[in-house]
N, C-alpha and C. Protein backbone atom coordinates (compact mmCIF):
# COMPACT_ATOMS: atom_id res chain seq x y z
N MET A 1 1.22 -1.43 -0.04
CA MET A 1 0.37 0.27 -0.24
C MET A 1 0.93 1.42 0.17
N LYS A 2 0.47 2.13 -0.92
CA LYS A 2 1.21 3.73 -0.71
C LYS A 2 1.14 4.40 0.26
N THR A 3 1.77 4.88 0.46
CA THR A 3 2.07 5.86 1.78
C THR A 3 0.83 7.16 1.45
N MET A 4 0.54 7.95 2.05
CA MET A 4 -0.80 8.62 2.38
C MET A 4 0.58 10.15 1.78
N SER A 5 -0.26 10.97 1.28
CA SER A 5 0.32 12.14 0.46
C SER A 5 0.71 13.20 1.87
N LYS A 6 1.43 14.21 2.09
CA LYS A 6 1.82 14.85 2.85
C LYS A 6 0.23 15.76 3.44
N ALA A 7 -0.18 15.97 1.72
CA ALA A 7 -1.69 17.01 1.73
C ALA A 7 -2.40 16.35 2.85
N ILE A 8 -2.45 15.04 1.71
CA ILE A 8 -3.77 13.95 3.02
C ILE A 8 -3.50 13.90 4.33
N GLN A 9 -1.93 13.46 4.80
CA GLN A 9 -1.78 13.85 6.46
C GLN A 9 -1.78 14.82 7.12
N ALA A 10 -1.32 16.16 6.41
CA ALA A 10 -1.82 17.37 6.81
C ALA A 10 -3.67 17.69 7.65
N LEU A 11 -4.46 17.04 6.35
CA LEU A 11 -5.92 17.09 6.86
C LEU A 11 -6.31 16.29 7.87
N ILE A 12 -5.82 15.24 7.86
CA ILE A 12 -5.78 14.13 9.52
C ILE A 12 -5.40 14.57 10.43
N ASP A 13 -4.22 15.61 10.38
CA ASP A 13 -3.61 16.25 11.63
C ASP A 13 -4.37 17.85 11.94
N ARG A 14 -4.67 18.22 10.56
CA ARG A 14 -5.66 19.27 11.02
C ARG A 14 -6.68 19.23 11.55
N TYR A 15 -7.79 18.37 11.24
CA TYR A 15 -8.70 18.15 11.55
C TYR A 15 -8.69 16.97 12.51
N GLU A 16 -7.59 16.44 13.47
CA GLU A 16 -7.60 15.34 14.08
C GLU A 16 -8.58 14.04 14.32
N LEU A 17 -8.32 13.49 12.96
CA LEU A 17 -9.11 12.76 12.66
C LEU A 17 -9.02 11.49 12.90
N LEU A 18 -9.70 10.04 13.12
CA LEU A 18 -9.22 8.96 13.90
C LEU A 18 -9.67 8.16 12.35
N PRO A 19 -9.33 7.27 12.18
CA PRO A 19 -9.71 5.91 11.98
C PRO A 19 -11.12 5.60 11.98
N HIS A 20 -12.04 5.62 10.72
CA HIS A 20 -13.54 5.21 10.90
C HIS A 20 -13.51 3.52 10.82
N PRO A 21 -14.28 2.65 11.53
CA PRO A 21 -14.64 1.13 10.85
C PRO A 21 -14.51 0.71 9.70
N GLU A 22 -15.66 2.04 9.07
CA GLU A 22 -16.00 1.49 7.95
C GLU A 22 -14.47 1.68 6.95
N GLY A 23 -13.87 2.38 7.56
CA GLY A 23 -12.95 3.38 6.36
C GLY A 23 -12.64 4.52 6.08
N GLY A 24 -11.65 5.07 5.98
CA GLY A 24 -11.20 6.80 5.66
C GLY A 24 -11.29 7.38 7.05
N PHE A 25 -11.37 8.44 7.61
CA PHE A 25 -11.23 9.12 8.53
C PHE A 25 -12.38 10.01 9.22
N TYR A 26 -12.30 9.92 10.51
CA TYR A 26 -13.06 10.89 10.75
C TYR A 26 -13.16 11.49 12.32
N ARG A 27 -13.90 12.69 12.30
CA ARG A 27 -14.05 13.10 13.99
C ARG A 27 -15.70 13.90 13.87
N GLU A 28 -16.33 13.74 15.34
CA GLU A 28 -17.63 14.36 15.65
C GLU A 28 -16.98 15.42 15.88
N THR A 29 -17.54 16.74 15.02
CA THR A 29 -17.74 18.25 15.35
C THR A 29 -18.45 18.30 16.48
N TYR A 30 -19.77 17.63 15.94
CA TYR A 30 -21.58 18.62 16.99
C TYR A 30 -22.14 17.22 17.46
N ARG A 31 -22.78 17.81 18.54
CA ARG A 31 -23.35 16.75 18.76
C ARG A 31 -24.82 17.81 19.42
N SER A 32 -25.97 17.40 18.71
CA SER A 32 -27.05 18.40 19.76
C SER A 32 -27.39 18.17 21.07
N PRO A 33 -27.41 19.01 21.71
CA PRO A 33 -27.65 18.89 23.25
C PRO A 33 -28.93 18.48 23.40
N MET A 34 -30.13 18.95 22.23
CA MET A 34 -31.51 18.92 22.49
C MET A 34 -31.97 17.40 22.09
N SER A 35 -32.31 16.25 22.62
CA SER A 35 -32.89 14.94 22.51
C SER A 35 -34.32 14.88 21.59
N LEU A 36 -34.51 13.76 21.37
CA LEU A 36 -35.73 13.43 21.26
C LEU A 36 -36.58 13.26 22.27
N SER A 37 -38.14 13.92 21.89
CA SER A 37 -38.70 13.35 23.05
C SER A 37 -38.40 11.87 23.87
N ASN A 38 -39.01 11.45 24.73
CA ASN A 38 -38.41 10.21 25.37
C ASN A 38 -37.12 9.56 25.04
N ALA A 39 -36.57 9.73 24.30
CA ALA A 39 -35.34 9.47 23.89
C ALA A 39 -33.62 9.96 24.72
N GLU A 40 -33.14 9.51 24.74
CA GLU A 40 -31.81 9.49 25.03
C GLU A 40 -30.51 10.11 23.46
N ARG A 41 -31.39 9.93 22.37
CA ARG A 41 -30.81 10.33 21.19
C ARG A 41 -30.78 11.85 20.77
N SER A 42 -29.64 12.11 20.57
CA SER A 42 -29.89 13.89 20.24
C SER A 42 -30.56 14.05 18.83
N LEU A 43 -30.72 14.88 18.63
CA LEU A 43 -31.54 15.10 17.11
C LEU A 43 -30.42 15.53 16.23
N MET A 44 -29.37 15.88 16.59
CA MET A 44 -28.29 15.85 15.25
C MET A 44 -27.04 15.33 16.09
N THR A 45 -26.41 15.13 14.76
CA THR A 45 -25.07 14.84 15.12
C THR A 45 -23.97 15.06 14.03
N THR A 46 -22.59 16.35 13.76
CA THR A 46 -21.82 16.16 12.82
C THR A 46 -20.37 15.83 12.52
N ILE A 47 -19.96 14.95 11.63
CA ILE A 47 -18.93 14.28 11.40
C ILE A 47 -17.97 15.16 10.15
N TYR A 48 -16.55 15.47 10.23
CA TYR A 48 -15.97 15.54 9.07
C TYR A 48 -15.49 14.02 8.92
N PHE A 49 -15.30 13.63 7.25
CA PHE A 49 -15.46 12.31 7.46
C PHE A 49 -13.71 12.34 5.70
N LEU A 50 -12.85 11.72 6.08
CA LEU A 50 -11.94 11.13 4.99
C LEU A 50 -11.62 10.46 4.13
N LEU A 51 -11.72 10.61 2.96
CA LEU A 51 -11.99 9.35 2.50
C LEU A 51 -10.54 9.40 1.20
N THR A 52 -9.90 8.43 1.20
CA THR A 52 -8.81 8.59 0.35
C THR A 52 -8.98 7.58 -0.69
N SER A 53 -8.29 7.68 -1.83
CA SER A 53 -8.77 6.69 -3.42
C SER A 53 -7.88 4.96 -3.03
N GLU A 54 -7.17 5.22 -2.02
CA GLU A 54 -6.66 3.86 -1.30
C GLU A 54 -7.57 3.20 -0.75
N HIS A 55 -8.86 3.91 0.75
CA HIS A 55 -9.13 3.22 0.88
C HIS A 55 -10.55 3.39 0.89
N VAL A 56 -11.53 2.92 0.92
CA VAL A 56 -12.88 2.31 0.70
C VAL A 56 -13.86 3.08 1.79
N SER A 57 -15.22 3.14 1.77
CA SER A 57 -15.98 2.99 3.14
C SER A 57 -16.82 2.05 2.75
N ARG A 58 -16.73 0.79 3.59
CA ARG A 58 -17.30 -0.33 3.13
C ARG A 58 -19.00 0.02 3.61
N PHE A 59 -19.35 -0.99 2.95
CA PHE A 59 -21.26 -1.17 2.52
C PHE A 59 -21.28 -1.23 4.00
N HIS A 60 -22.47 -0.43 4.38
CA HIS A 60 -23.03 -0.09 5.85
C HIS A 60 -24.49 0.44 5.44
N ARG A 61 -25.04 0.60 7.27
CA ARG A 61 -26.39 1.36 7.18
C ARG A 61 -26.19 1.84 8.04
N ILE A 62 -27.58 2.92 8.28
CA ILE A 62 -27.34 3.08 10.05
C ILE A 62 -29.21 3.52 10.26
N LYS A 63 -29.76 4.02 11.22
CA LYS A 63 -31.29 3.90 10.96
C LYS A 63 -31.64 5.59 10.75
N SER A 64 -30.82 6.37 10.71
CA SER A 64 -31.27 7.72 10.82
C SER A 64 -30.72 8.02 9.03
N ASP A 65 -31.34 9.46 8.29
CA ASP A 65 -31.05 10.18 7.56
C ASP A 65 -29.54 10.87 7.73
N GLU A 66 -28.88 10.97 6.47
CA GLU A 66 -27.15 11.32 6.71
C GLU A 66 -27.18 12.23 5.24
N LEU A 67 -26.82 13.03 5.86
CA LEU A 67 -26.82 14.44 4.93
C LEU A 67 -25.30 14.59 4.52
N TRP A 68 -24.82 14.55 3.31
CA TRP A 68 -23.18 14.85 3.11
C TRP A 68 -22.96 16.20 2.16
N PHE A 69 -21.90 16.70 2.55
CA PHE A 69 -21.86 17.61 2.33
C PHE A 69 -20.14 17.71 1.75
N PHE A 70 -19.75 18.51 0.27
CA PHE A 70 -18.80 18.21 -0.04
C PHE A 70 -17.50 19.68 0.44
N HIS A 71 -16.66 19.49 0.40
CA HIS A 71 -15.94 20.56 1.04
C HIS A 71 -14.78 20.84 0.10
N SER A 72 -13.74 19.77 0.10
CA SER A 72 -12.54 19.92 -0.86
C SER A 72 -12.03 18.32 -1.27
N GLY A 73 -11.11 18.58 -2.85
CA GLY A 73 -10.79 17.16 -3.18
C GLY A 73 -11.25 16.88 -4.21
N ASN A 74 -11.78 15.33 -4.38
CA ASN A 74 -11.53 14.96 -5.74
C ASN A 74 -13.00 14.26 -5.06
N THR A 75 -13.75 14.31 -6.67
CA THR A 75 -15.31 13.78 -6.07
C THR A 75 -15.49 12.05 -5.64
N LEU A 76 -16.57 12.67 -4.71
CA LEU A 76 -16.66 11.33 -4.11
C LEU A 76 -17.79 10.24 -4.61
N CYS A 77 -17.78 8.97 -4.62
CA CYS A 77 -18.75 8.61 -5.39
C CYS A 77 -19.60 7.91 -3.80
N VAL A 78 -21.06 7.85 -3.53
CA VAL A 78 -21.69 7.15 -2.62
C VAL A 78 -22.69 6.18 -3.50
N HIS A 79 -22.42 5.13 -2.78
CA HIS A 79 -23.04 3.57 -3.69
C HIS A 79 -23.68 3.65 -2.53
N THR A 80 -24.89 3.03 -3.40
CA THR A 80 -25.94 2.36 -2.40
C THR A 80 -26.66 1.16 -3.01
N LEU A 81 -26.97 0.17 -2.70
CA LEU A 81 -27.67 -0.72 -3.05
C LEU A 81 -29.03 -0.89 -2.45
N ASP A 82 -29.80 -1.07 -3.44
CA ASP A 82 -31.70 -1.60 -2.97
C ASP A 82 -32.08 -2.50 -3.31
N ASN A 83 -33.05 -3.00 -3.94
CA ASN A 83 -33.64 -3.81 -4.65
C ASN A 83 -34.25 -3.62 -5.88
N SER A 84 -33.37 -2.53 -6.47
CA SER A 84 -33.86 -2.32 -7.70
C SER A 84 -32.02 -1.97 -8.34
N GLY A 85 -31.49 -2.26 -7.64
CA GLY A 85 -29.82 -2.47 -8.03
C GLY A 85 -28.19 -1.36 -6.90
N HIS A 86 -27.69 -1.19 -7.94
CA HIS A 86 -26.83 -0.41 -7.29
C HIS A 86 -26.71 0.99 -7.95
N HIS A 87 -27.16 1.64 -6.93
CA HIS A 87 -26.75 3.06 -7.65
C HIS A 87 -25.62 4.08 -7.29
N LYS A 88 -24.57 4.84 -8.35
CA LYS A 88 -23.82 6.00 -7.96
C LYS A 88 -24.33 6.83 -7.90
N HIS A 89 -23.66 8.11 -6.95
CA HIS A 89 -24.34 9.36 -6.66
C HIS A 89 -22.86 9.95 -6.29
N PHE A 90 -23.06 11.09 -7.02
CA PHE A 90 -21.52 11.64 -7.30
C PHE A 90 -21.68 12.71 -6.12
N VAL A 91 -20.59 12.95 -5.39
CA VAL A 91 -20.97 14.90 -4.79
C VAL A 91 -19.43 15.19 -4.77
N GLY A 92 -19.24 16.17 -5.19
CA GLY A 92 -18.61 17.25 -5.73
C GLY A 92 -18.73 18.53 -5.85
N LEU A 93 -17.55 19.29 -7.04
CA LEU A 93 -18.44 20.45 -7.46
C LEU A 93 -17.95 20.06 -9.12
N GLU A 94 -17.59 19.27 -9.66
CA GLU A 94 -17.46 19.06 -10.87
C GLU A 94 -19.62 19.10 -11.47
N GLU A 95 -18.77 19.24 -13.03
CA GLU A 95 -20.42 18.86 -13.52
C GLU A 95 -20.84 17.91 -13.09
N GLY A 96 -22.19 17.11 -13.68
CA GLY A 96 -22.57 16.32 -12.99
C GLY A 96 -22.45 15.52 -11.81
N THR A 97 -22.36 16.80 -10.82
CA THR A 97 -22.27 16.22 -9.85
C THR A 97 -23.11 17.40 -8.82
N SER A 98 -23.12 17.29 -7.15
CA SER A 98 -23.77 18.01 -6.24
C SER A 98 -23.20 18.33 -4.99
N PRO A 99 -22.65 19.18 -4.66
CA PRO A 99 -21.80 19.55 -3.51
C PRO A 99 -22.91 18.69 -1.83
N GLN A 100 -24.11 18.45 -2.38
CA GLN A 100 -24.76 17.44 -1.58
C GLN A 100 -25.29 16.25 -1.38
N LEU A 101 -25.42 15.50 -0.31
CA LEU A 101 -26.29 14.18 -0.94
C LEU A 101 -26.85 13.97 0.29
N LEU A 102 -28.33 13.14 0.10
CA LEU A 102 -29.09 12.79 1.33
C LEU A 102 -28.84 11.22 0.83
N VAL A 103 -28.45 10.74 2.44
CA VAL A 103 -28.77 9.43 2.01
C VAL A 103 -30.09 9.10 3.19
N PRO A 104 -31.01 8.02 2.98
CA PRO A 104 -31.96 8.18 3.61
C PRO A 104 -32.00 6.94 4.61
N ALA A 105 -32.47 7.25 5.39
CA ALA A 105 -32.31 6.02 6.99
C ALA A 105 -32.57 5.23 6.27
N ASN A 106 -31.30 3.48 7.12
CA ASN A 106 -31.86 1.90 6.49
C ASN A 106 -31.54 2.16 5.10
N THR A 107 -30.32 2.68 4.63
CA THR A 107 -29.97 2.85 3.26
C THR A 107 -28.95 2.22 3.51
N VAL A 108 -28.47 0.76 2.69
CA VAL A 108 -27.26 0.58 2.43
C VAL A 108 -26.46 0.81 1.70
N PHE A 109 -24.93 1.75 2.24
CA PHE A 109 -23.96 2.61 1.14
C PHE A 109 -22.83 2.38 1.56
N GLY A 110 -21.93 2.61 0.73
CA GLY A 110 -20.01 2.78 0.79
C GLY A 110 -20.00 3.78 0.21
N SER A 111 -18.57 4.10 -0.13
CA SER A 111 -18.31 5.40 -0.93
C SER A 111 -16.61 4.79 -1.55
N THR A 112 -16.45 5.84 -2.38
CA THR A 112 -15.05 5.38 -3.04
C THR A 112 -14.30 7.06 -3.67
N VAL A 113 -13.35 6.99 -3.67
CA VAL A 113 -12.72 8.10 -4.18
C VAL A 113 -12.25 7.47 -5.54
N GLU A 114 -12.43 8.02 -7.06
CA GLU A 114 -12.24 7.49 -7.91
C GLU A 114 -10.89 7.65 -8.63
N SER A 115 -10.91 9.30 -8.05
CA SER A 115 -9.18 10.05 -8.83
C SER A 115 -8.43 8.98 -8.04
N GLU A 116 -7.25 8.81 -9.03
CA GLU A 116 -6.18 8.00 -8.53
C GLU A 116 -5.28 9.46 -7.87
N ASN A 117 -4.70 8.46 -6.71
CA ASN A 117 -3.99 9.05 -5.45
C ASN A 117 -4.65 10.88 -5.11
N GLY A 118 -6.30 10.15 -4.97
CA GLY A 118 -7.16 11.95 -4.54
C GLY A 118 -7.60 11.23 -3.19
N TYR A 119 -8.81 12.74 -2.84
CA TYR A 119 -9.34 12.64 -1.20
C TYR A 119 -10.19 13.16 -2.09
N ALA A 120 -10.94 13.28 -0.62
CA ALA A 120 -12.49 13.94 -0.58
C ALA A 120 -12.78 14.16 1.03
N LEU A 121 -12.60 14.96 1.28
CA LEU A 121 -13.34 15.94 2.50
C LEU A 121 -15.00 16.08 2.76
N VAL A 122 -15.62 15.66 3.20
CA VAL A 122 -16.85 16.07 3.72
C VAL A 122 -17.44 16.21 4.95
N SER A 123 -18.50 16.78 5.09
CA SER A 123 -19.30 16.43 6.74
C SER A 123 -20.31 15.98 6.21
N CYS A 124 -20.77 14.99 7.76
CA CYS A 124 -22.11 13.97 7.35
C CYS A 124 -22.73 14.48 8.45
N VAL A 125 -24.07 14.76 8.68
CA VAL A 125 -25.09 15.30 9.20
C VAL A 125 -25.91 14.20 9.33
N VAL A 126 -26.23 13.55 10.62
CA VAL A 126 -27.02 12.68 10.76
C VAL A 126 -28.35 13.18 11.75
N ALA A 127 -29.22 12.44 11.19
CA ALA A 127 -30.46 13.22 12.37
C ALA A 127 -31.64 11.82 12.13
N PRO A 128 -32.19 11.65 13.40
CA PRO A 128 -31.77 11.89 14.10
C PRO A 128 -30.18 11.56 14.73
N GLY A 129 -29.68 11.96 15.61
CA GLY A 129 -28.25 11.91 15.54
C GLY A 129 -27.79 10.34 15.52
N PHE A 130 -25.95 10.25 15.59
CA PHE A 130 -25.50 9.22 15.33
C PHE A 130 -25.84 8.32 16.31
N ASP A 131 -25.61 7.42 16.33
CA ASP A 131 -24.98 6.45 17.59
C ASP A 131 -24.82 5.34 16.96
N PHE A 132 -23.53 4.51 17.59
CA PHE A 132 -22.92 3.03 17.16
C PHE A 132 -23.81 1.67 17.70
N ALA A 133 -24.84 2.34 17.81
CA ALA A 133 -25.89 1.39 18.31
C ALA A 133 -26.81 1.21 17.03
N ASP A 134 -26.56 1.84 16.40
CA ASP A 134 -27.17 1.95 15.03
C ASP A 134 -26.80 1.54 13.86
N PHE A 135 -25.18 1.53 13.87
CA PHE A 135 -24.33 1.06 12.96
C PHE A 135 -24.19 -0.35 12.33
N GLU A 136 -24.32 -0.32 11.04
CA GLU A 136 -24.14 -1.95 10.76
C GLU A 136 -23.67 -1.66 9.76
N LEU A 137 -22.44 -2.43 9.60
CA LEU A 137 -20.95 -2.97 8.75
C LEU A 137 -21.61 -4.48 8.51
N PHE A 138 -21.32 -4.23 7.25
CA PHE A 138 -21.90 -5.65 6.43
C PHE A 138 -20.38 -6.20 6.05
N GLY A 139 -20.71 -7.72 5.73
CA GLY A 139 -19.45 -8.53 5.17
C GLY A 139 -20.11 -8.90 3.63
N LYS A 140 -19.70 -9.61 3.24
CA LYS A 140 -19.43 -9.86 1.99
C LYS A 140 -20.95 -10.75 1.76
N GLU A 141 -20.69 -11.92 3.01
CA GLU A 141 -21.45 -13.14 2.84
C GLU A 141 -23.23 -12.49 2.75
N GLN A 142 -22.95 -11.26 3.99
CA GLN A 142 -24.43 -10.87 4.01
C GLN A 142 -24.59 -10.13 2.95
N LEU A 143 -24.46 -9.60 2.12
CA LEU A 143 -24.39 -8.79 1.38
C LEU A 143 -25.02 -9.40 -0.11
N TYR A 144 -24.51 -10.60 0.04
CA TYR A 144 -24.60 -11.41 -1.42
C TYR A 144 -25.79 -12.11 -1.30
N LYS A 145 -25.88 -12.26 0.30
CA LYS A 145 -27.74 -12.90 0.09
C LYS A 145 -28.73 -12.02 0.24
N MET A 146 -28.19 -10.22 0.31
CA MET A 146 -29.03 -9.22 -0.07
C MET A 146 -29.25 -9.14 -1.13
N PHE A 147 -28.09 -8.93 -2.03
CA PHE A 147 -28.20 -8.43 -3.69
C PHE A 147 -27.31 -9.19 -3.90
N PRO A 148 -28.11 -10.26 -4.76
CA PRO A 148 -27.21 -11.21 -5.38
C PRO A 148 -26.66 -10.82 -6.57
N GLU A 149 -27.22 -10.14 -7.31
CA GLU A 149 -26.68 -9.61 -8.28
C GLU A 149 -25.71 -8.44 -8.62
N GLN A 150 -25.35 -8.08 -7.49
CA GLN A 150 -24.36 -7.19 -7.07
C GLN A 150 -23.00 -7.66 -6.79
N ALA A 151 -22.39 -8.65 -7.26
CA ALA A 151 -21.24 -9.34 -6.73
C ALA A 151 -20.26 -8.20 -6.91
N GLU A 152 -19.83 -7.88 -7.94
CA GLU A 152 -18.82 -6.86 -8.50
C GLU A 152 -18.34 -5.54 -7.73
N ILE A 153 -19.55 -4.92 -7.31
CA ILE A 153 -19.51 -3.68 -6.27
C ILE A 153 -19.47 -4.22 -4.59
N ILE A 154 -19.55 -5.64 -4.26
CA ILE A 154 -19.72 -6.15 -3.63
C ILE A 154 -18.42 -6.67 -2.61
N GLU A 155 -18.04 -7.09 -4.29
CA GLU A 155 -16.39 -7.58 -4.03
C GLU A 155 -15.64 -6.58 -3.24
N ARG A 156 -15.75 -5.19 -3.91
CA ARG A 156 -15.10 -3.65 -3.54
C ARG A 156 -14.91 -3.06 -2.23
N LEU A 157 -16.48 -3.22 -1.94
CA LEU A 157 -17.01 -2.19 -0.76
C LEU A 157 -17.34 -3.37 0.37
N GLY A 158 -17.36 -4.53 0.16
CA GLY A 158 -18.07 -5.33 1.32
C GLY A 158 -17.14 -6.14 2.17
């Protein structure tokens, strides 16, 4: 595996990012002090998320909506799987992309940076707020059973 560029390492250091279990690097930057009625769940949380072309964000799902906002780097491809197949959503500033993307609650998704030696720095806002108890990381065998037609992307992000 190649060593990360100095620019990518500088972003990791500057924003004090840590390795994320799904892949990439993150740091929570905000957790709302308000919570849902009769629940111990914050209304909203926010993280920085950095993904490099050397890493992938493995397929996972959470029980909340997640809104992505592009900050810098290369276009990020968010891959979603559902009963109608594999879908690619491009988050960035180039033509054919959008600087934000909503991943609805309970969607199976992962992400990649397709540019060689690239990175994408985004923020993710989760509402209701993120909790690792709601985080489900999938293995390849689980994904093959759920989406048997999607072997190619499962091999890559599973």
